[in-house]
Protein backbone atom coordinates (compact mmCIF):
# COMPACT_ATOMS: atom_id res chain seq x y z
CA MET A 1 13.19 -41.81 7.89
CA ALA A 2 10.23 -39.97 9.40
CA ILE A 3 10.37 -36.21 9.48
CA SER A 4 9.51 -34.41 12.74
CA THR A 5 9.52 -30.76 13.68
CA THR A 6 10.03 -29.27 17.14
CA ILE A 7 7.95 -26.17 17.82
CA VAL A 8 7.56 -23.90 20.84
CA PHE A 9 4.01 -23.06 21.82
CA ARG A 10 2.84 -19.49 21.35
CA ARG A 11 1.80 -18.34 24.81
CA ASP A 12 -1.52 -16.54 25.10
CA SER A 13 -0.55 -13.05 26.22
CA GLY A 14 -3.72 -12.77 28.28
CA ALA A 15 -3.16 -15.96 30.24
CA PRO A 16 -1.72 -15.95 33.77
CA ARG A 17 1.67 -17.53 34.30
CA ASN A 18 1.54 -21.14 35.55
CA HIS A 19 3.59 -24.23 36.83
CA ASP A 20 3.91 -28.49 37.43
CA ARG A 21 4.45 -32.95 38.85
CA THR A 22 5.76 -36.70 37.51
CA MET A 23 5.03 -38.99 34.66
CA GLU A 24 5.03 -42.59 35.89
CA ASP A 25 1.46 -42.40 37.15
CA ALA A 26 0.23 -40.32 34.23
CA TYR A 27 -3.05 -41.33 32.67
CA GLU A 28 -4.86 -40.39 29.53
CA ILE A 29 -8.50 -40.69 28.45
CA SER A 30 -9.17 -40.62 24.73
CA SER A 31 -11.44 -37.89 23.47
CA PHE A 32 -13.06 -40.40 21.15
CA LEU A 33 -15.22 -41.38 24.14
CA ASN A 34 -18.77 -40.14 24.47
CA SER A 35 -20.79 -39.36 27.60
CA ASP A 36 -23.43 -41.82 26.39
CA ILE A 37 -21.16 -44.67 27.43
CA ILE A 38 -20.61 -43.47 31.01
CA ARG A 39 -22.45 -46.58 32.19
CA LEU A 40 -19.73 -48.68 30.61
CA LEU A 41 -16.87 -46.51 31.83
CA GLY A 42 -18.30 -45.87 35.31
CA PRO A 43 -16.98 -49.04 36.97
CA ALA A 44 -13.49 -48.47 35.54
CA LEU A 45 -13.43 -44.83 36.71
CA ALA A 46 -14.73 -45.83 40.14
CA SER A 47 -12.03 -48.46 40.46
CA LYS A 48 -9.31 -46.12 39.25
CA HIS A 49 -10.16 -43.39 41.75
CA LYS A 50 -11.20 -45.82 44.53
CA ILE A 51 -14.65 -44.29 44.89
CA SER A 52 -18.24 -45.48 44.64
CA HIS A 53 -19.74 -46.29 41.25
CA THR A 54 -22.85 -44.47 42.47
CA THR A 55 -20.74 -41.34 42.92
CA ILE A 56 -19.56 -41.55 39.30
CA GLU A 57 -23.15 -41.90 38.09
CA ARG A 58 -24.28 -38.99 40.25
CA PHE A 59 -21.54 -36.78 38.86
CA SER A 60 -22.54 -37.72 35.32
CA THR A 61 -26.25 -37.08 35.75
CA SER A 62 -25.84 -33.85 37.75
CA LEU A 63 -23.45 -31.93 35.49
CA THR A 64 -24.91 -29.59 32.88
CA GLU A 65 -23.62 -26.90 30.54
CA GLU A 66 -24.90 -24.28 32.99
CA THR A 67 -23.01 -25.71 36.00
CA GLU A 68 -20.76 -23.10 37.64
CA LEU A 69 -18.53 -23.17 40.72
CA LYS A 70 -21.32 -23.19 43.31
CA GLY A 71 -23.14 -26.00 41.51
CA LEU A 72 -19.89 -27.90 41.06
CA LEU A 73 -19.27 -27.81 44.81
CA GLU A 74 -22.84 -29.02 45.40
CA ILE A 75 -22.23 -31.94 43.03
CA LEU A 76 -18.85 -32.76 44.59
CA THR A 77 -20.23 -32.89 48.12
CA SER A 78 -23.19 -35.02 47.03
CA ALA A 79 -20.78 -37.96 46.68
CA ASP A 80 -21.49 -41.13 48.63
CA GLU A 81 -18.08 -40.80 50.28
CA PHE A 82 -19.36 -37.91 52.43
CA ALA A 83 -22.35 -39.83 53.82
CA ARG A 84 -20.35 -40.95 56.86
CA PHE A 85 -20.02 -37.42 58.27
CA SER A 86 -23.07 -37.58 60.52
CA VAL A 87 -24.10 -34.43 62.36
CA ARG A 88 -23.40 -34.69 66.08
CA PRO A 89 -25.64 -33.17 68.75
CA GLY A 90 -24.99 -29.43 68.89
CA GLU A 91 -23.33 -29.22 65.47
CA GLU A 92 -26.41 -28.24 63.46
CA GLU A 93 -26.25 -24.57 64.41
CA LEU A 94 -22.49 -24.44 63.94
CA ILE A 95 -22.91 -25.77 60.41
CA ARG A 96 -25.68 -23.27 59.74
CA ASP A 97 -23.45 -20.43 60.94
CA LEU A 98 -20.64 -21.55 58.61
CA LEU A 99 -22.98 -21.52 55.63
CA MET A 100 -24.77 -18.30 56.50
CA ASN A 101 -21.51 -16.44 57.19
CA ASN A 102 -19.74 -17.69 54.08
CA PRO A 103 -18.54 -14.61 52.15
CA ARG A 104 -18.81 -16.19 48.69
CA PHE A 105 -22.18 -17.95 48.37
CA SER A 106 -25.61 -17.66 49.98
CA PHE A 107 -27.87 -20.60 50.85
CA ASP A 108 -31.62 -20.72 51.49
CA ASN A 109 -32.76 -22.94 54.36
CA PRO A 110 -30.01 -25.59 54.14
CA ASN A 111 -30.73 -28.92 55.82
CA CYS A 112 -27.94 -28.74 58.36
CA ARG A 113 -28.71 -32.23 59.67
CA ASP A 114 -27.60 -33.72 56.34
CA SER A 115 -24.07 -35.17 56.16
CA HIS A 116 -23.51 -33.83 52.63
CA VAL A 117 -24.47 -30.31 53.71
CA LYS A 118 -22.03 -30.67 56.59
CA ALA A 119 -19.27 -31.66 54.17
CA LYS A 120 -20.09 -28.66 51.99
CA ALA A 121 -19.98 -26.29 54.98
CA LEU A 122 -16.58 -27.63 56.04
CA LEU A 123 -15.22 -27.31 52.52
CA LEU A 124 -16.44 -23.71 52.12
CA ALA A 125 -15.04 -22.83 55.55
CA HIS A 126 -11.66 -24.13 54.39
CA PHE A 127 -11.70 -21.92 51.29
CA SER A 128 -12.68 -18.89 53.37
CA ARG A 129 -10.21 -19.74 56.15
CA GLN A 130 -12.92 -19.71 58.78
CA PRO A 131 -11.43 -21.13 62.00
CA LEU A 132 -12.70 -24.48 63.32
CA SER A 133 -11.84 -26.52 66.38
CA GLY A 134 -12.54 -29.87 67.99
CA ASP A 135 -14.49 -32.53 66.11
CA LEU A 136 -15.40 -30.22 63.23
CA ALA A 137 -11.73 -29.45 62.57
CA ALA A 138 -10.95 -33.17 62.56
CA ASP A 139 -13.88 -33.84 60.21
CA GLN A 140 -12.72 -31.05 57.93
CA GLU A 141 -9.32 -32.70 57.48
CA GLN A 142 -11.00 -35.92 56.37
CA VAL A 143 -13.30 -34.00 54.01
CA LEU A 144 -10.26 -32.40 52.34
CA VAL A 145 -8.52 -35.73 51.79
CA ILE A 146 -11.67 -37.28 50.31
CA ALA A 147 -12.27 -34.23 48.10
CA THR A 148 -8.74 -34.56 46.72
CA ARG A 149 -9.60 -38.08 45.57
CA LEU A 150 -12.99 -37.09 44.17
CA VAL A 151 -11.99 -34.05 42.09
CA PRO A 152 -9.88 -36.02 39.54
CA ALA A 153 -12.83 -38.39 39.08
CA LEU A 154 -15.10 -35.40 38.52
CA VAL A 155 -12.65 -34.04 35.94
CA ASP A 156 -12.69 -37.39 34.12
CA VAL A 157 -16.48 -37.42 33.96
CA ILE A 158 -16.52 -33.84 32.66
CA PHE A 159 -13.98 -34.78 29.99
CA LEU A 160 -16.39 -37.28 28.49
CA ASP A 161 -18.66 -34.35 27.62
CA GLY A 162 -15.76 -32.34 26.18
CA SER A 163 -16.32 -29.20 28.27
CA ARG A 164 -12.93 -27.54 28.74
CA TRP A 165 -14.36 -24.67 30.78
CA LEU A 166 -16.10 -26.94 33.27
CA ALA A 167 -13.09 -29.27 33.50
CA ASN A 168 -10.91 -26.26 34.26
CA CYS A 169 -13.38 -25.13 36.91
CA ALA A 170 -13.11 -28.54 38.62
CA MET A 171 -9.31 -28.34 38.43
CA LYS A 172 -9.48 -24.98 40.21
CA VAL A 173 -11.37 -26.72 43.02
CA SER A 174 -8.36 -29.01 43.44
CA GLN A 175 -6.15 -25.93 43.87
CA MET A 176 -8.59 -24.44 46.38
CA VAL A 177 -8.70 -27.64 48.43
CA THR A 178 -4.90 -27.78 48.57
CA GLN A 179 -4.27 -24.12 49.43
CA GLY A 180 -7.33 -23.25 51.52
CA THR A 181 -8.32 -20.22 49.48
CA TRP A 182 -10.75 -19.22 46.76
CA GLU A 183 -9.59 -19.26 43.15
CA SER A 184 -10.31 -15.51 42.93
CA ASP A 185 -8.15 -14.64 45.96
CA SER A 186 -4.64 -13.26 45.64
CA MET A 187 -1.96 -15.74 44.62
CA LEU A 188 0.20 -14.24 47.37
CA LEU A 189 -2.03 -15.76 50.07
CA GLN A 190 -0.28 -19.07 49.37
CA LEU A 191 2.88 -17.62 50.95
CA PRO A 192 3.74 -17.52 54.67
CA TYR A 193 3.18 -14.23 56.54
CA PHE A 194 0.78 -12.94 53.88
CA SER A 195 -2.62 -11.66 55.02
CA LYS A 196 -5.34 -10.22 52.79
CA GLU A 197 -4.24 -6.78 53.95
CA LEU A 198 -0.62 -7.34 52.92
CA ALA A 199 -1.72 -8.80 49.58
CA GLN A 200 -3.86 -5.70 48.94
CA LYS A 201 -0.93 -3.47 49.88
CA CYS A 202 1.24 -5.29 47.32
CA GLU A 203 -1.43 -4.88 44.66
CA LYS A 204 -1.44 -1.12 45.26
CA ASN A 205 2.36 -0.84 45.32
CA PRO A 206 3.25 2.65 43.94
CA GLY A 207 6.21 1.25 42.03
CA GLY A 208 4.05 -1.25 40.16
CA SER A 209 1.31 -3.66 41.14
CA VAL A 210 2.59 -6.90 42.72
CA THR A 211 -0.06 -9.60 42.32
CA THR A 212 1.94 -12.79 41.73
CA VAL A 213 4.81 -14.67 43.32
CA PHE A 214 6.83 -13.91 40.19
CA ASP A 215 6.24 -10.15 40.58
CA LEU A 216 7.40 -10.39 44.19
CA VAL A 217 10.63 -12.23 43.37
CA GLU A 218 11.54 -9.75 40.63
CA LEU A 219 11.40 -6.71 42.95
CA GLU A 220 14.63 -5.03 43.98
CA ASP A 221 15.64 -5.93 47.54
CA ASN A 222 15.14 -2.41 48.90
CA GLU A 223 11.72 -2.03 47.27
CA ARG A 224 10.58 -5.44 48.53
CA ARG A 225 11.82 -4.73 52.05
CA GLU A 226 9.98 -1.39 52.11
CA LEU A 227 6.80 -2.95 50.74
CA LEU A 228 6.58 -6.01 52.98
CA GLN A 229 7.98 -4.60 56.22
CA LEU A 230 9.17 -8.09 57.19
CA SER A 231 12.43 -9.24 58.72
CA ASP A 232 15.23 -10.76 56.62
CA ALA A 233 14.54 -14.13 58.25
CA GLN A 234 10.86 -13.94 57.27
CA TRP A 235 11.73 -12.98 53.69
CA SER A 236 14.24 -15.85 53.52
CA GLU A 237 11.44 -18.25 54.44
CA ILE A 238 9.12 -16.69 51.84
CA ALA A 239 11.84 -16.90 49.17
CA LYS A 240 12.25 -20.63 49.75
CA ILE A 241 8.51 -21.13 49.28
CA CYS A 242 8.54 -18.96 46.15
CA ASN A 243 11.04 -21.39 44.65
CA ARG A 244 8.71 -24.30 45.33
CA ILE A 245 5.83 -22.64 43.50
CA PRO A 246 6.18 -23.79 39.89
CA ASP A 247 7.00 -21.68 36.86
CA ILE A 248 6.84 -23.85 33.75
CA ASN A 249 7.40 -23.54 30.02
CA LEU A 250 6.13 -25.93 27.37
CA ALA A 251 7.55 -26.98 24.02
CA PHE A 252 6.38 -29.78 21.76
CA ASN A 253 7.15 -32.05 18.88
CA ILE A 254 4.58 -33.38 16.38
CA PRO A 255 5.99 -36.33 14.42
CA ASP A 256 5.15 -36.19 10.69
CA ARG A 257 3.59 -32.77 11.23
CA GLU A 258 3.72 -31.93 7.54
CA GLU A 259 1.84 -35.09 6.55
CA ILE A 260 -1.18 -35.16 8.90
CA ARG A 261 -4.35 -36.09 7.04
CA ALA A 262 -8.02 -35.60 7.83
CA GLY A 263 -9.30 -38.07 10.42
CA GLU A 264 -5.88 -39.37 11.46
CA VAL A 265 -4.64 -39.50 15.03
CA ILE A 266 -2.31 -36.60 15.92
CA ASN A 267 0.47 -37.35 18.41
CA VAL A 268 1.82 -34.37 20.35
CA GLU A 269 4.96 -34.88 22.42
CA VAL A 270 4.95 -32.20 25.13
CA PHE A 271 8.14 -31.16 26.90
CA ILE A 272 7.64 -29.56 30.30
CA GLU A 273 10.42 -27.43 31.74
CA ARG A 274 10.12 -26.31 35.34
CA ASN A 275 12.15 -23.19 36.12
CA LEU A 276 13.92 -23.16 39.48
CA LEU A 277 15.39 -20.15 41.23
CA TRP A 278 18.24 -22.31 42.51
CA ARG A 279 19.34 -25.05 40.12
CA THR A 280 20.39 -27.35 42.97
CA ASP A 281 16.83 -27.53 44.26
CA LYS A 282 14.57 -30.51 43.60
CA VAL A 283 10.81 -30.53 43.22
CA GLY A 284 9.60 -31.54 46.66
CA PRO A 285 6.12 -31.87 48.13
CA VAL A 286 3.61 -29.07 47.65
CA TYR A 287 3.78 -26.22 50.13
CA ALA A 288 0.29 -26.47 51.60
CA PRO A 289 0.20 -25.78 55.35
CA ARG A 290 -3.62 -25.79 55.35
CA TYR A 291 -3.85 -29.25 53.77
CA PRO A 292 -3.58 -32.16 56.25
CA LYS A 293 -1.28 -34.48 54.26
CA LEU A 294 1.85 -34.32 52.10
CA LYS A 295 0.94 -33.94 48.45
CA GLN A 296 2.88 -34.29 45.22
CA GLU A 297 2.48 -31.56 42.62
CA GLY A 298 0.32 -32.63 39.68
CA TRP A 299 -0.75 -31.08 36.37
CA TRP A 300 -3.54 -31.59 33.90
CA LEU A 301 -2.54 -31.11 30.26
CA MET A 302 -5.43 -30.38 27.89
CA VAL A 303 -5.68 -29.90 24.13
CA THR A 304 -8.75 -28.06 22.87
CA ASP A 305 -10.17 -26.83 19.59
CA ALA A 306 -9.18 -23.15 19.73
CA ALA A 307 -12.34 -22.08 17.89
CA THR A 308 -14.94 -24.04 19.88
CA ASP A 309 -13.06 -24.71 23.16
CA GLU A 310 -14.03 -28.39 22.84
CA LEU A 311 -11.79 -30.59 24.97
CA LEU A 312 -10.02 -33.10 22.70
CA SER A 313 -7.37 -34.75 24.84
CA MET A 314 -6.35 -34.70 28.49
CA LYS A 315 -3.66 -36.21 30.65
CA ARG A 316 -2.74 -35.82 34.29
CA VAL A 317 0.98 -35.90 35.03
CA TYR A 318 3.32 -35.59 37.99
CA VAL A 319 6.56 -33.65 37.56
CA LYS A 320 9.55 -34.65 39.67
CA GLY A 321 12.46 -32.86 38.04
CA ASP A 322 13.11 -29.71 36.05
CA SER A 323 12.44 -31.44 32.71
CA ASN A 324 9.69 -33.92 31.82
CA ASN A 325 7.88 -35.09 28.71
CA VAL A 326 4.52 -36.67 27.94
CA ARG A 327 2.43 -37.50 24.86
CA LEU A 328 -1.13 -36.44 24.04
CA ASP A 329 -3.20 -37.97 21.21
CA PHE A 330 -6.31 -36.62 19.50
CA ALA A 331 -8.06 -36.93 16.15
CA ALA A 332 -7.42 -34.57 13.26
CA PRO A 333 -10.59 -32.91 11.93
CA GLY A 334 -12.38 -34.25 8.88
CA GLN A 335 -11.85 -30.97 7.02
CA THR A 336 -8.59 -29.96 5.38
CA GLY A 337 -6.75 -26.71 5.96
CA ARG A 338 -5.07 -24.94 8.89
CA LYS A 339 -6.52 -25.81 12.29
CA TRP A 340 -5.72 -23.95 15.51
CA TYR A 341 -5.53 -25.67 18.90
CA ALA A 342 -4.94 -24.54 22.46
CA MET A 343 -2.78 -26.37 24.99
CA TYR A 344 -3.52 -25.82 28.67
CA ALA A 345 -1.38 -26.85 31.63
CA THR A 346 -3.35 -26.54 34.88
CA CYS A 347 -1.77 -27.26 38.26
CA ASP A 348 -3.70 -29.34 40.79
CA SER A 349 -2.10 -27.71 43.82
CA TYR A 350 -1.12 -24.06 43.29
CA ILE A 351 -3.25 -21.10 42.24
CA GLY A 352 -1.91 -18.69 39.61
CA CYS A 353 0.57 -21.02 37.90
CA ASP A 354 -1.46 -22.26 34.91
CA VAL A 355 -0.33 -21.63 31.34
CA LYS A 356 -1.98 -21.60 27.93
CA TYR A 357 -0.41 -21.84 24.48
CA TYR A 358 -1.67 -21.97 20.89
CA PHE A 359 -0.43 -24.07 17.99
CA SER A 360 -1.66 -24.88 14.48
CA ILE A 361 -1.61 -27.87 12.17
CA ASP A 362 -2.16 -27.93 8.40
CA VAL A 363 -4.45 -30.88 7.71
CA LYS A 364 -4.15 -32.52 4.29
CA GLY A 365 -6.79 -34.46 2.40
CA THR A 366 -7.20 -38.19 2.79
CA GLY A 367 -5.29 -40.52 0.50
CA ALA A 368 -2.23 -42.70 0.31
CA ARG A 369 0.99 -41.31 1.77
CA ASN A 370 3.99 -40.92 -0.48
CA GLU A 371 6.76 -42.98 1.10
CA GLU A 372 9.35 -40.76 -0.61
CA ASP A 373 8.31 -37.99 1.77
CA TYR A 374 9.94 -40.00 4.58
CA MET A 375 13.33 -40.47 2.95
CA GLU A 376 16.33 -38.26 3.47
CA GLU A 377 17.69 -36.61 0.34
């Protein structure tokens, strides 16, 4: 019989804590693909994500190794799907004000009559929580729903080039769209009753900095009450939301781990455990009061070469219960010896919940397998 070993990932001590959604709709794209064949894959990706083939091509031709968050947002809002947001009479100056007053990025002479610029302004206003009303507020809701469909397609295109950093940046945009905040803002701003001022007060807490939902939950009742200055009813509401924000652990199994040879396909069975404060609770829809529709919590799982950060395998999954499993496949290197890999789990809906682990595999030389290695003694 085949020998398999179950191993727990070694968490990167410098990584933030993170959390997860279900497996039926999970998809996987093999890392054996190359960006040179985007023309062949484009129609399939467009069909999968229900977007324009032209949008897929534009994503592919616009992305570079130097692309950062600002450029990524420019590329995202260049999609054909935003062409319908025409600028109404009187909106041009409002759009200009949104861009010029954005606290994160500056823009030189934007063409505020362009529908794609309008979409970008509405998206940035959402991240900065700039108030909108009337037609612009209604347009913004549609922009958010379209962006949610476009970001996974953008991640897929990035995957074909193997850039883990850029793929992760795009995944952060998904979190930002869902929560209406920047990826660099406090995780606590995802909770009700939290303002930037209260989040800063928590960070400066004399008894120990409170920067995450997990820090907040672990405080003693008296210390938390003194820090927040909120009523018991308000804290009860916050506590319920804290339980909906995911806290996950990963473990995995690699069948035939001791017999992996150079160039073979490695199968990694990943087990996702979602910790719940109250065991009777179920994983419900994402808490996202600034997003216009109900959304199910999703995760991207990524395997990378730990030395080069090259993205080797990726799968998007949806976690419904407190325990889920999924398989990732990637090719073993052509060289023998110990090889280190990193496993990332990045949430598509919550900021501050992502996790990173390391694992290693000893790759053997090519040659015939000894069937006796698979027999029980």
